[in-house]
C-alpha atoms as a PDB file:
ATOM      1  CA  MET A   1     -13.614   1.588   2.577  1.00  0.00           C
ATOM      2  CA  SER A   2     -14.686   3.780   5.542  1.00  0.00           C
ATOM      3  CA  LYS A   3     -13.775   7.288   4.125  1.00  0.00           C
ATOM      4  CA  LYS A   4     -15.232   8.542   1.106  1.00  0.00           C
ATOM      5  CA  GLU A   5     -12.578  10.705  -0.248  1.00  0.00           C
ATOM      6  CA  GLU A   6      -8.957   9.913  -0.657  1.00  0.00           C
ATOM      7  CA  PRO A   7      -6.296  10.288   1.565  1.00  0.00           C
ATOM      8  CA  ILE A   8      -4.114  13.687   1.486  1.00  0.00           C
ATOM      9  CA  VAL A   9      -0.485  11.974  -0.150  1.00  0.00           C
ATOM     10  CA  ILE A  10       2.341  14.174   0.135  1.00  0.00           C
ATOM     11  CA  ILE A  11       5.472  13.606  -1.850  1.00  0.00           C
ATOM     12  CA  ASN A  12       8.699  15.870  -1.456  1.00  0.00           C
ATOM     13  CA  GLY A  13       6.568  18.588  -0.077  1.00  0.00           C
ATOM     14  CA  LYS A  14       3.583  18.645  -2.802  1.00  0.00           C
ATOM     15  CA  ALA A  15       0.496  17.380  -2.382  1.00  0.00           C
ATOM     16  CA  LEU A  16      -0.816  14.700  -4.882  1.00  0.00           C
ATOM     17  CA  THR A  17      -4.222  15.533  -6.710  1.00  0.00           C
ATOM     18  CA  GLU A  18      -7.041  13.203  -5.952  1.00  0.00           C
ATOM     19  CA  PRO A  19      -6.857  11.229  -8.957  1.00  0.00           C
ATOM     20  CA  GLN A  20      -3.188  10.877  -8.181  1.00  0.00           C
ATOM     21  CA  ALA A  21      -3.924   9.875  -4.391  1.00  0.00           C
ATOM     22  CA  MET A  22      -6.488   7.399  -5.927  1.00  0.00           C
ATOM     23  CA  THR A  23      -3.664   5.727  -8.452  1.00  0.00           C
ATOM     24  CA  VAL A  24      -1.233   5.681  -5.626  1.00  0.00           C
ATOM     25  CA  ARG A  25      -4.034   3.813  -3.346  1.00  0.00           C
ATOM     26  CA  ALA A  26      -4.862   1.631  -5.979  1.00  0.00           C
ATOM     27  CA  ALA A  27      -0.936   0.502  -6.737  1.00  0.00           C
ATOM     28  CA  ILE A  28      -0.422  -0.307  -2.793  1.00  0.00           C
ATOM     29  CA  GLU A  29      -3.809  -2.417  -2.555  1.00  0.00           C
ATOM     30  CA  ASN A  30      -2.728  -4.090  -6.218  1.00  0.00           C
ATOM     31  CA  PHE A  31       0.821  -4.587  -4.920  1.00  0.00           C
ATOM     32  CA  ASP A  32      -0.497  -6.351  -1.600  1.00  0.00           C
ATOM     33  CA  ALA A  33      -2.729  -8.667  -3.337  1.00  0.00           C
ATOM     34  CA  ASP A  34       0.156  -9.937  -5.397  1.00  0.00           C
ATOM     35  CA  LEU A  35       2.347 -10.427  -2.459  1.00  0.00           C
ATOM     36  CA  LYS A  36      -1.076 -12.102  -1.204  1.00  0.00           C
ATOM     37  CA  LYS A  37      -0.993 -14.387  -4.053  1.00  0.00           C
ATOM     38  CA  ASN A  38       2.435 -14.857  -5.122  1.00  0.00           C
ATOM     39  CA  GLY A  39       5.005 -13.626  -2.407  1.00  0.00           C
ATOM     40  CA  LEU A  40       8.591 -12.827  -3.324  1.00  0.00           C
ATOM     41  CA  GLY A  41       9.981 -16.272  -3.521  1.00  0.00           C
ATOM     42  CA  ASP A  42       9.805 -19.727  -1.087  1.00  0.00           C
ATOM     43  CA  ASP A  43      13.261 -18.984   0.129  1.00  0.00           C
ATOM     44  CA  ALA A  44      13.512 -17.252   3.803  1.00  0.00           C
ATOM     45  CA  HIS A  45      14.591 -13.909   2.273  1.00  0.00           C
ATOM     46  CA  GLY A  46      11.341 -13.665  -0.081  1.00  0.00           C
ATOM     47  CA  VAL A  47       9.021 -14.935   2.763  1.00  0.00           C
ATOM     48  CA  GLU A  48      10.903 -12.637   4.950  1.00  0.00           C
ATOM     49  CA  MET A  49      10.370  -9.396   2.705  1.00  0.00           C
ATOM     50  CA  THR A  50       6.639 -10.338   1.850  1.00  0.00           C
ATOM     51  CA  LYS A  51       5.979 -10.336   5.621  1.00  0.00           C
ATOM     52  CA  LEU A  52       7.682  -7.090   6.127  1.00  0.00           C
ATOM     53  CA  TYR A  53       6.132  -5.589   2.716  1.00  0.00           C
ATOM     54  CA  ARG A  54       2.877  -6.594   4.081  1.00  0.00           C
ATOM     55  CA  ASP A  55       3.219  -5.168   7.407  1.00  0.00           C
ATOM     56  CA  ARG A  56       4.218  -2.027   6.257  1.00  0.00           C
ATOM     57  CA  ILE A  57       0.792  -1.806   3.593  1.00  0.00           C
ATOM     58  CA  SER A  58      -1.162  -2.900   7.047  1.00  0.00           C
ATOM     59  CA  GLU A  59       0.442   0.314   8.672  1.00  0.00           C
ATOM     60  CA  ILE A  60      -0.421   2.426   5.421  1.00  0.00           C
ATOM     61  CA  ARG A  61      -4.124   1.150   5.516  1.00  0.00           C
ATOM     62  CA  SER A  62      -4.591   1.969   9.112  1.00  0.00           C
ATOM     63  CA  LEU A  63      -3.623   5.732   7.831  1.00  0.00           C
ATOM     64  CA  ILE A  64      -5.850   5.652   4.858  1.00  0.00           C
ATOM     65  CA  PHE A  65      -8.854   4.049   6.054  1.00  0.00           C
ATOM     66  CA  ILE A  66      -9.396   5.717   9.524  1.00  0.00           C
END
C-alpha cells in the first residue's frame, strides 16, 4: 500500500474512524481474494457478477491507494 494512512470513508454523511475505515478496506480486500479464488459460480451469471464486483473493487482500490 503506497498510502500510510487509512482512507476517509463517509457513510450517510458520517466519517468512519480510522479503525472502522481499516475494517472496510480489509473487508474489501478479503472479498476480492475470495472472488479471485472461488468466484460466484461457473454459470454465465456467476462469472459476470464476479467480473463486475472485481472491476468495482479495482475502482475502489484506485481511490484508496493513490
